PDB file of N, CA and C in Angstrom:
ATOM      1  N   MET A   1      39.319  -0.443  -0.406  1.00  0.00           N
ATOM      2  CA  MET A   1      37.999  -0.955  -0.726  1.00  0.00           C
ATOM      3  C   MET A   1      37.877  -2.386  -0.202  1.00  0.00           C
ATOM      4  N   SER A   2      36.747  -2.679   0.354  1.00  0.00           N
ATOM      5  CA  SER A   2      36.479  -3.988   0.937  1.00  0.00           C
ATOM      6  C   SER A   2      36.109  -4.995  -0.147  1.00  0.00           C
ATOM      7  N   ASP A   3      36.516  -6.233   0.081  1.00  0.00           N
ATOM      8  CA  ASP A   3      36.149  -7.325  -0.817  1.00  0.00           C
ATOM      9  C   ASP A   3      35.036  -8.181  -0.231  1.00  0.00           C
ATOM     10  N   LEU A   4      34.294  -7.614   0.716  1.00  0.00           N
ATOM     11  CA  LEU A   4      33.184  -8.339   1.324  1.00  0.00           C
ATOM     12  C   LEU A   4      31.885  -7.987   0.611  1.00  0.00           C
ATOM     13  N   ILE A   5      31.071  -9.013   0.388  1.00  0.00           N
ATOM     14  CA  ILE A   5      29.758  -8.811  -0.226  1.00  0.00           C
ATOM     15  C   ILE A   5      28.697  -9.469   0.645  1.00  0.00           C
ATOM     16  N   ILE A   6      27.476  -8.988   0.498  1.00  0.00           N
ATOM     17  CA  ILE A   6      26.330  -9.584   1.174  1.00  0.00           C
ATOM     18  C   ILE A   6      25.424 -10.172   0.095  1.00  0.00           C
ATOM     19  N   VAL A   7      25.115 -11.448   0.264  1.00  0.00           N
ATOM     20  CA  VAL A   7      24.261 -12.160  -0.693  1.00  0.00           C
ATOM     21  C   VAL A   7      22.984 -12.559   0.036  1.00  0.00           C
ATOM     22  N   THR A   8      21.839 -12.214  -0.542  1.00  0.00           N
ATOM     23  CA  THR A   8      20.546 -12.570   0.019  1.00  0.00           C
ATOM     24  C   THR A   8      19.807 -13.433  -1.004  1.00  0.00           C
ATOM     25  N   VAL A   9      19.295 -14.561  -0.551  1.00  0.00           N
ATOM     26  CA  VAL A   9      18.539 -15.473  -1.409  1.00  0.00           C
ATOM     27  C   VAL A   9      17.162 -15.648  -0.787  1.00  0.00           C
ATOM     28  N   SER A  10      16.108 -15.519  -1.595  1.00  0.00           N
ATOM     29  CA  SER A  10      14.758 -15.583  -1.069  1.00  0.00           C
ATOM     30  C   SER A  10      13.814 -16.207  -2.094  1.00  0.00           C
ATOM     31  N   GLY A  11      12.883 -17.016  -1.595  1.00  0.00           N
ATOM     32  CA  GLY A  11      11.883 -17.607  -2.477  1.00  0.00           C
ATOM     33  C   GLY A  11      11.224 -18.807  -1.835  1.00  0.00           C
ATOM     34  N   VAL A  12      10.398 -19.485  -2.602  1.00  0.00           N
ATOM     35  CA  VAL A  12       9.695 -20.672  -2.118  1.00  0.00           C
ATOM     36  C   VAL A  12      10.729 -21.769  -1.858  1.00  0.00           C
ATOM     37  N   ASP A  13      10.634 -22.406  -0.698  1.00  0.00           N
ATOM     38  CA  ASP A  13      11.599 -23.444  -0.319  1.00  0.00           C
ATOM     39  C   ASP A  13      11.543 -24.613  -1.289  1.00  0.00           C
ATOM     40  N   ASN A  14      12.727 -25.152  -1.564  1.00  0.00           N
ATOM     41  CA  ASN A  14      12.851 -26.295  -2.449  1.00  0.00           C
ATOM     42  C   ASN A  14      14.155 -27.015  -2.125  1.00  0.00           C
ATOM     43  N   VAL A  15      14.282 -28.240  -2.530  1.00  0.00           N
ATOM     44  CA  VAL A  15      15.498 -29.014  -2.301  1.00  0.00           C
ATOM     45  C   VAL A  15      16.641 -28.460  -3.147  1.00  0.00           C
ATOM     46  N   GLY A  16      17.818 -28.314  -2.539  1.00  0.00           N
ATOM     47  CA  GLY A  16      19.028 -27.977  -3.291  1.00  0.00           C
ATOM     48  C   GLY A  16      19.384 -26.514  -3.415  1.00  0.00           C
ATOM     49  N   ILE A  17      18.650 -25.632  -2.772  1.00  0.00           N
ATOM     50  CA  ILE A  17      18.939 -24.198  -2.902  1.00  0.00           C
ATOM     51  C   ILE A  17      20.347 -23.877  -2.411  1.00  0.00           C
ATOM     52  N   VAL A  18      20.652 -24.283  -1.190  1.00  0.00           N
ATOM     53  CA  VAL A  18      21.969 -23.987  -0.617  1.00  0.00           C
ATOM     54  C   VAL A  18      23.067 -24.633  -1.463  1.00  0.00           C
ATOM     55  N   ALA A  19      22.854 -25.864  -1.886  1.00  0.00           N
ATOM     56  CA  ALA A  19      23.850 -26.572  -2.689  1.00  0.00           C
ATOM     57  C   ALA A  19      24.150 -25.852  -3.998  1.00  0.00           C
ATOM     58  N   LYS A  20      23.115 -25.392  -4.686  1.00  0.00           N
ATOM     59  CA  LYS A  20      23.319 -24.726  -5.971  1.00  0.00           C
ATOM     60  C   LYS A  20      23.998 -23.373  -5.815  1.00  0.00           C
ATOM     61  N   VAL A  21      23.578 -22.610  -4.817  1.00  0.00           N
ATOM     62  CA  VAL A  21      24.176 -21.285  -4.598  1.00  0.00           C
ATOM     63  C   VAL A  21      25.644 -21.434  -4.193  1.00  0.00           C
ATOM     64  N   THR A  22      25.918 -22.331  -3.259  1.00  0.00           N
ATOM     65  CA  THR A  22      27.296 -22.485  -2.793  1.00  0.00           C
ATOM     66  C   THR A  22      28.188 -23.114  -3.863  1.00  0.00           C
ATOM     67  N   ALA A  23      27.651 -23.956  -4.728  1.00  0.00           N
ATOM     68  CA  ALA A  23      28.435 -24.509  -5.837  1.00  0.00           C
ATOM     69  C   ALA A  23      28.855 -23.394  -6.796  1.00  0.00           C
ATOM     70  N   THR A  24      27.947 -22.465  -7.052  1.00  0.00           N
ATOM     71  CA  THR A  24      28.285 -21.315  -7.897  1.00  0.00           C
ATOM     72  C   THR A  24      29.363 -20.467  -7.224  1.00  0.00           C
ATOM     73  N   MET A  25      29.234 -20.264  -5.930  1.00  0.00           N
ATOM     74  CA  MET A  25      30.248 -19.496  -5.200  1.00  0.00           C
ATOM     75  C   MET A  25      31.610 -20.175  -5.273  1.00  0.00           C
ATOM     76  N   ALA A  26      31.640 -21.485  -5.098  1.00  0.00           N
ATOM     77  CA  ALA A  26      32.909 -22.214  -5.163  1.00  0.00           C
ATOM     78  C   ALA A  26      33.534 -22.090  -6.551  1.00  0.00           C
ATOM     79  N   GLU A  27      32.701 -22.159  -7.585  1.00  0.00           N
ATOM     80  CA  GLU A  27      33.188 -22.034  -8.962  1.00  0.00           C
ATOM     81  C   GLU A  27      33.857 -20.673  -9.190  1.00  0.00           C
ATOM     82  N   TYR A  28      33.358 -19.644  -8.513  1.00  0.00           N
ATOM     83  CA  TYR A  28      33.886 -18.284  -8.673  1.00  0.00           C
ATOM     84  C   TYR A  28      34.845 -17.904  -7.535  1.00  0.00           C
ATOM     85  N   THR A  29      35.276 -18.873  -6.734  1.00  0.00           N
ATOM     86  CA  THR A  29      36.220 -18.691  -5.624  1.00  0.00           C
ATOM     87  C   THR A  29      35.729 -17.624  -4.646  1.00  0.00           C
ATOM     88  N   VAL A  30      34.483 -17.736  -4.256  1.00  0.00           N
ATOM     89  CA  VAL A  30      33.878 -16.847  -3.258  1.00  0.00           C
ATOM     90  C   VAL A  30      33.835 -17.611  -1.937  1.00  0.00           C
ATOM     91  N   ASN A  31      34.414 -17.027  -0.887  1.00  0.00           N
ATOM     92  CA  ASN A  31      34.461 -17.668   0.415  1.00  0.00           C
ATOM     93  C   ASN A  31      33.327 -17.160   1.304  1.00  0.00           C
ATOM     94  N   ILE A  32      32.575 -18.071   1.901  1.00  0.00           N
ATOM     95  CA  ILE A  32      31.490 -17.703   2.810  1.00  0.00           C
ATOM     96  C   ILE A  32      32.081 -17.468   4.198  1.00  0.00           C
ATOM     97  N   GLU A  33      31.925 -16.249   4.703  1.00  0.00           N
ATOM     98  CA  GLU A  33      32.427 -15.883   6.031  1.00  0.00           C
ATOM     99  C   GLU A  33      31.380 -16.154   7.113  1.00  0.00           C
ATOM    100  N   ASP A  34      30.125 -15.927   6.780  1.00  0.00           N
ATOM    101  CA  ASP A  34      29.030 -16.135   7.732  1.00  0.00           C
ATOM    102  C   ASP A  34      27.770 -16.441   6.927  1.00  0.00           C
ATOM    103  N   ILE A  35      26.922 -17.272   7.489  1.00  0.00           N
ATOM    104  CA  ILE A  35      25.699 -17.651   6.783  1.00  0.00           C
ATOM    105  C   ILE A  35      24.569 -17.831   7.790  1.00  0.00           C
ATOM    106  N   LYS A  36      23.409 -17.318   7.442  1.00  0.00           N
ATOM    107  CA  LYS A  36      22.198 -17.479   8.248  1.00  0.00           C
ATOM    108  C   LYS A  36      21.075 -17.841   7.285  1.00  0.00           C
ATOM    109  N   GLN A  37      20.251 -18.779   7.689  1.00  0.00           N
ATOM    110  CA  GLN A  37      19.099 -19.106   6.861  1.00  0.00           C
ATOM    111  C   GLN A  37      17.922 -19.456   7.749  1.00  0.00           C
ATOM    112  N   THR A  38      16.759 -19.269   7.185  1.00  0.00           N
ATOM    113  CA  THR A  38      15.536 -19.590   7.926  1.00  0.00           C
ATOM    114  C   THR A  38      14.447 -19.964   6.936  1.00  0.00           C
ATOM    115  N   LEU A  39      13.443 -20.597   7.454  1.00  0.00           N
ATOM    116  CA  LEU A  39      12.271 -20.961   6.670  1.00  0.00           C
ATOM    117  C   LEU A  39      11.063 -20.372   7.382  1.00  0.00           C
ATOM    118  N   MET A  40      10.322 -19.512   6.686  1.00  0.00           N
ATOM    119  CA  MET A  40       9.149 -18.859   7.271  1.00  0.00           C
ATOM    120  C   MET A  40       7.929 -19.220   6.437  1.00  0.00           C
ATOM    121  N   GLN A  41       7.109 -20.111   6.961  1.00  0.00           N
ATOM    122  CA  GLN A  41       5.881 -20.545   6.304  1.00  0.00           C
ATOM    123  C   GLN A  41       6.120 -20.942   4.844  1.00  0.00           C
ATOM    124  N   GLY A  42       7.136 -21.761   4.635  1.00  0.00           N
ATOM    125  CA  GLY A  42       7.447 -22.246   3.299  1.00  0.00           C
ATOM    126  C   GLY A  42       8.285 -21.308   2.460  1.00  0.00           C
ATOM    127  N   HIS A  43       8.655 -20.165   3.025  1.00  0.00           N
ATOM    128  CA  HIS A  43       9.461 -19.174   2.304  1.00  0.00           C
ATOM    129  C   HIS A  43      10.895 -19.245   2.820  1.00  0.00           C
ATOM    130  N   PHE A  44      11.827 -19.583   1.943  1.00  0.00           N
ATOM    131  CA  PHE A  44      13.240 -19.738   2.289  1.00  0.00           C
ATOM    132  C   PHE A  44      13.944 -18.388   2.206  1.00  0.00           C
ATOM    133  N   VAL A  45      14.742 -18.062   3.231  1.00  0.00           N
ATOM    134  CA  VAL A  45      15.537 -16.831   3.227  1.00  0.00           C
ATOM    135  C   VAL A  45      16.936 -17.177   3.724  1.00  0.00           C
ATOM    136  N   MET A  46      17.960 -16.731   2.995  1.00  0.00           N
ATOM    137  CA  MET A  46      19.342 -16.974   3.388  1.00  0.00           C
ATOM    138  C   MET A  46      20.157 -15.697   3.191  1.00  0.00           C
ATOM    139  N   PHE A  47      20.963 -15.381   4.193  1.00  0.00           N
ATOM    140  CA  PHE A  47      21.864 -14.233   4.137  1.00  0.00           C
ATOM    141  C   PHE A  47      23.285 -14.753   4.272  1.00  0.00           C
ATOM    142  N   MET A  48      24.190 -14.257   3.450  1.00  0.00           N
ATOM    143  CA  MET A  48      25.587 -14.674   3.535  1.00  0.00           C
ATOM    144  C   MET A  48      26.506 -13.459   3.452  1.00  0.00           C
ATOM    145  N   LEU A  49      27.526 -13.471   4.279  1.00  0.00           N
ATOM    146  CA  LEU A  49      28.610 -12.504   4.192  1.00  0.00           C
ATOM    147  C   LEU A  49      29.755 -13.254   3.527  1.00  0.00           C
ATOM    148  N   CYS A  50      30.226 -12.754   2.407  1.00  0.00           N
ATOM    149  CA  CYS A  50      31.208 -13.480   1.603  1.00  0.00           C
ATOM    150  C   CYS A  50      32.408 -12.601   1.269  1.00  0.00           C
ATOM    151  N   ASP A  51      33.544 -13.270   1.089  1.00  0.00           N
ATOM    152  CA  ASP A  51      34.792 -12.600   0.723  1.00  0.00           C
ATOM    153  C   ASP A  51      35.133 -12.987  -0.714  1.00  0.00           C
ATOM    154  N   ILE A  52      35.320 -11.970  -1.574  1.00  0.00           N
ATOM    155  CA  ILE A  52      35.652 -12.228  -2.981  1.00  0.00           C
ATOM    156  C   ILE A  52      37.105 -11.858  -3.290  1.00  0.00           C
ATOM    157  N   SER A  53      37.918 -11.637  -2.272  1.00  0.00           N
ATOM    158  CA  SER A  53      39.295 -11.163  -2.479  1.00  0.00           C
ATOM    159  C   SER A  53      40.175 -12.170  -3.223  1.00  0.00           C
ATOM    160  N   LYS A  54      39.895 -13.451  -3.117  1.00  0.00           N
ATOM    161  CA  LYS A  54      40.725 -14.469  -3.779  1.00  0.00           C
ATOM    162  C   LYS A  54      40.176 -14.865  -5.149  1.00  0.00           C
ATOM    163  N   SER A  55      39.066 -14.266  -5.542  1.00  0.00           N
ATOM    164  CA  SER A  55      38.453 -14.598  -6.826  1.00  0.00           C
ATOM    165  C   SER A  55      39.173 -13.886  -7.975  1.00  0.00           C
ATOM    166  N   ASP A  56      39.274 -14.582  -9.094  1.00  0.00           N
ATOM    167  CA  ASP A  56      39.818 -13.972 -10.311  1.00  0.00           C
ATOM    168  C   ASP A  56      38.735 -13.238 -11.092  1.00  0.00           C
ATOM    169  N   TYR A  57      37.512 -13.281 -10.584  1.00  0.00           N
ATOM    170  CA  TYR A  57      36.373 -12.658 -11.264  1.00  0.00           C
ATOM    171  C   TYR A  57      36.036 -11.318 -10.611  1.00  0.00           C
ATOM    172  N   SER A  58      35.435 -10.441 -11.386  1.00  0.00           N
ATOM    173  CA  SER A  58      35.031  -9.130 -10.872  1.00  0.00           C
ATOM    174  C   SER A  58      33.733  -9.260 -10.073  1.00  0.00           C
ATOM    175  N   PHE A  59      33.451  -8.238  -9.272  1.00  0.00           N
ATOM    176  CA  PHE A  59      32.186  -8.190  -8.545  1.00  0.00           C
ATOM    177  C   PHE A  59      31.021  -8.344  -9.519  1.00  0.00           C
ATOM    178  N   LYS A  60      31.098  -7.653 -10.644  1.00  0.00           N
ATOM    179  CA  LYS A  60      30.020  -7.695 -11.637  1.00  0.00           C
ATOM    180  C   LYS A  60      29.810  -9.119 -12.169  1.00  0.00           C
ATOM    181  N   GLU A  61      30.899  -9.835 -12.451  1.00  0.00           N
ATOM    182  CA  GLU A  61      30.786 -11.205 -12.961  1.00  0.00           C
ATOM    183  C   GLU A  61      30.200 -12.144 -11.901  1.00  0.00           C
ATOM    184  N   ILE A  62      30.629 -11.975 -10.660  1.00  0.00           N
ATOM    185  CA  ILE A  62      30.110 -12.801  -9.569  1.00  0.00           C
ATOM    186  C   ILE A  62      28.625 -12.518  -9.362  1.00  0.00           C
ATOM    187  N   LYS A  63      28.271 -11.241  -9.371  1.00  0.00           N
ATOM    188  CA  LYS A  63      26.874 -10.843  -9.193  1.00  0.00           C
ATOM    189  C   LYS A  63      25.997 -11.447 -10.290  1.00  0.00           C
ATOM    190  N   GLU A  64      26.470 -11.397 -11.524  1.00  0.00           N
ATOM    191  CA  GLU A  64      25.716 -11.940 -12.651  1.00  0.00           C
ATOM    192  C   GLU A  64      25.549 -13.464 -12.517  1.00  0.00           C
ATOM    193  N   ALA A  65      26.609 -14.151 -12.117  1.00  0.00           N
ATOM    194  CA  ALA A  65      26.545 -15.613 -11.969  1.00  0.00           C
ATOM    195  C   ALA A  65      25.554 -16.013 -10.880  1.00  0.00           C
ATOM    196  N   LEU A  66      25.589 -15.315  -9.752  1.00  0.00           N
ATOM    197  CA  LEU A  66      24.679 -15.645  -8.657  1.00  0.00           C
ATOM    198  C   LEU A  66      23.238 -15.274  -8.989  1.00  0.00           C
ATOM    199  N   THR A  67      23.052 -14.173  -9.676  1.00  0.00           N
ATOM    200  CA  THR A  67      21.712 -13.767 -10.101  1.00  0.00           C
ATOM    201  C   THR A  67      21.131 -14.806 -11.064  1.00  0.00           C
ATOM    202  N   ASN A  68      21.948 -15.261 -12.002  1.00  0.00           N
ATOM    203  CA  ASN A  68      21.494 -16.286 -12.956  1.00  0.00           C
ATOM    204  C   ASN A  68      21.196 -17.604 -12.257  1.00  0.00           C
ATOM    205  N   CYS A  69      22.001 -17.952 -11.267  1.00  0.00           N
ATOM    206  CA  CYS A  69      21.753 -19.159 -10.470  1.00  0.00           C
ATOM    207  C   CYS A  69      20.378 -19.058  -9.809  1.00  0.00           C
ATOM    208  N   GLY A  70      20.076 -17.911  -9.246  1.00  0.00           N
ATOM    209  CA  GLY A  70      18.776 -17.693  -8.615  1.00  0.00           C
ATOM    210  C   GLY A  70      17.635 -17.804  -9.604  1.00  0.00           C
ATOM    211  N   LYS A  71      17.803 -17.209 -10.771  1.00  0.00           N
ATOM    212  CA  LYS A  71      16.751 -17.265 -11.801  1.00  0.00           C
ATOM    213  C   LYS A  71      16.460 -18.701 -12.211  1.00  0.00           C
ATOM    214  N   GLU A  72      17.516 -19.512 -12.335  1.00  0.00           N
ATOM    215  CA  GLU A  72      17.340 -20.914 -12.721  1.00  0.00           C
ATOM    216  C   GLU A  72      16.498 -21.678 -11.703  1.00  0.00           C
ATOM    217  N   MET A  73      16.570 -21.244 -10.448  1.00  0.00           N
ATOM    218  CA  MET A  73      15.813 -21.924  -9.375  1.00  0.00           C
ATOM    219  C   MET A  73      14.495 -21.219  -9.064  1.00  0.00           C
ATOM    220  N   GLY A  74      14.214 -20.099  -9.717  1.00  0.00           N
ATOM    221  CA  GLY A  74      13.012 -19.336  -9.416  1.00  0.00           C
ATOM    222  C   GLY A  74      13.123 -18.570  -8.107  1.00  0.00           C
ATOM    223  N   MET A  75      14.350 -18.215  -7.722  1.00  0.00           N
ATOM    224  CA  MET A  75      14.612 -17.505  -6.467  1.00  0.00           C
ATOM    225  C   MET A  75      15.065 -16.079  -6.763  1.00  0.00           C
ATOM    226  N   GLU A  76      14.831 -15.191  -5.805  1.00  0.00           N
ATOM    227  CA  GLU A  76      15.362 -13.834  -5.879  1.00  0.00           C
ATOM    228  C   GLU A  76      16.737 -13.844  -5.219  1.00  0.00           C
ATOM    229  N   VAL A  77      17.719 -13.270  -5.869  1.00  0.00           N
ATOM    230  CA  VAL A  77      19.069 -13.175  -5.307  1.00  0.00           C
ATOM    231  C   VAL A  77      19.540 -11.738  -5.439  1.00  0.00           C
ATOM    232  N   TRP A  78      19.984 -11.181  -4.314  1.00  0.00           N
ATOM    233  CA  TRP A  78      20.531  -9.819  -4.302  1.00  0.00           C
ATOM    234  C   TRP A  78      21.970  -9.897  -3.834  1.00  0.00           C
ATOM    235  N   ILE A  79      22.838  -9.157  -4.505  1.00  0.00           N
ATOM    236  CA  ILE A  79      24.249  -9.123  -4.146  1.00  0.00           C
ATOM    237  C   ILE A  79      24.656  -7.661  -4.023  1.00  0.00           C
ATOM    238  N   GLN A  80      25.215  -7.305  -2.868  1.00  0.00           N
ATOM    239  CA  GLN A  80      25.646  -5.931  -2.631  1.00  0.00           C
ATOM    240  C   GLN A  80      27.015  -5.937  -1.982  1.00  0.00           C
ATOM    241  N   LYS A  81      27.786  -4.897  -2.245  1.00  0.00           N
ATOM    242  CA  LYS A  81      29.058  -4.732  -1.547  1.00  0.00           C
ATOM    243  C   LYS A  81      28.752  -4.335  -0.106  1.00  0.00           C
ATOM    244  N   LYS A  82      29.440  -4.954   0.834  1.00  0.00           N
ATOM    245  CA  LYS A  82      29.182  -4.704   2.251  1.00  0.00           C
ATOM    246  C   LYS A  82      29.404  -3.244   2.609  1.00  0.00           C
ATOM    247  N   GLU A  83      30.418  -2.626   2.039  1.00  0.00           N
ATOM    248  CA  GLU A  83      30.706  -1.232   2.383  1.00  0.00           C
ATOM    249  C   GLU A  83      29.555  -0.301   1.985  1.00  0.00           C
ATOM    250  N   ILE A  84      28.860  -0.607   0.922  1.00  0.00           N
ATOM    251  CA  ILE A  84      27.716   0.205   0.500  1.00  0.00           C
ATOM    252  C   ILE A  84      26.577   0.042   1.496  1.00  0.00           C
ATOM    253  N   VAL A  85      26.327  -1.203   1.919  1.00  0.00           N
ATOM    254  CA  VAL A  85      25.286  -1.461   2.915  1.00  0.00           C
ATOM    255  C   VAL A  85      25.626  -0.741   4.212  1.00  0.00           C
ATOM    256  N   ASP A  86      26.886  -0.824   4.640  1.00  0.00           N
ATOM    257  CA  ASP A  86      27.326  -0.147   5.853  1.00  0.00           C
ATOM    258  C   ASP A  86      27.117   1.360   5.756  1.00  0.00           C
ATOM    259  N   ASN A  87      27.453   1.944   4.615  1.00  0.00           N
ATOM    260  CA  ASN A  87      27.309   3.392   4.433  1.00  0.00           C
ATOM    261  C   ASN A  87      25.843   3.819   4.388  1.00  0.00           C
ATOM    262  N   MET A  88      24.966   2.967   3.873  1.00  0.00           N
ATOM    263  CA  MET A  88      23.547   3.301   3.836  1.00  0.00           C
ATOM    264  C   MET A  88      22.991   3.431   5.254  1.00  0.00           C
ATOM    265  N   HIS A  89      23.545   2.673   6.182  1.00  0.00           N
ATOM    266  CA  HIS A  89      23.047   2.710   7.565  1.00  0.00           C
ATOM    267  C   HIS A  89      23.649   3.846   8.379  1.00  0.00           C
ATOM    268  N   LYS A  90      24.620   4.553   7.805  1.00  0.00           N
ATOM    269  CA  LYS A  90      25.227   5.701   8.473  1.00  0.00           C
ATOM    270  C   LYS A  90      24.422   6.974   8.246  1.00  0.00           C
ATOM    271  N   ILE A  91      23.625   6.980   7.205  1.00  0.00           N
ATOM    272  CA  ILE A  91      22.875   8.189   6.820  1.00  0.00           C
ATOM    273  C   ILE A  91      21.781   8.484   7.819  1.00  0.00           C
TER     274      ILE A  91
END
């Protein structure tokens, strides 16, 4: 089983989004493998490929922490296991 996850953050642009999300990731020992972000007419979108293999926390705990981080900022945050996303595209 893969320890890679895909994190998507979306919402109205504001100061500190990347800082808050990445601080939560660091707290949960989540390593960012790749990151892309863009701003579309004031709408912030960020995609990250992350490795959770060195984390002492479960996928569920990491997902909950990142989701709560997003809620605190008024952002939508989705967290999925990469292998599930990969399998969805095979169908």
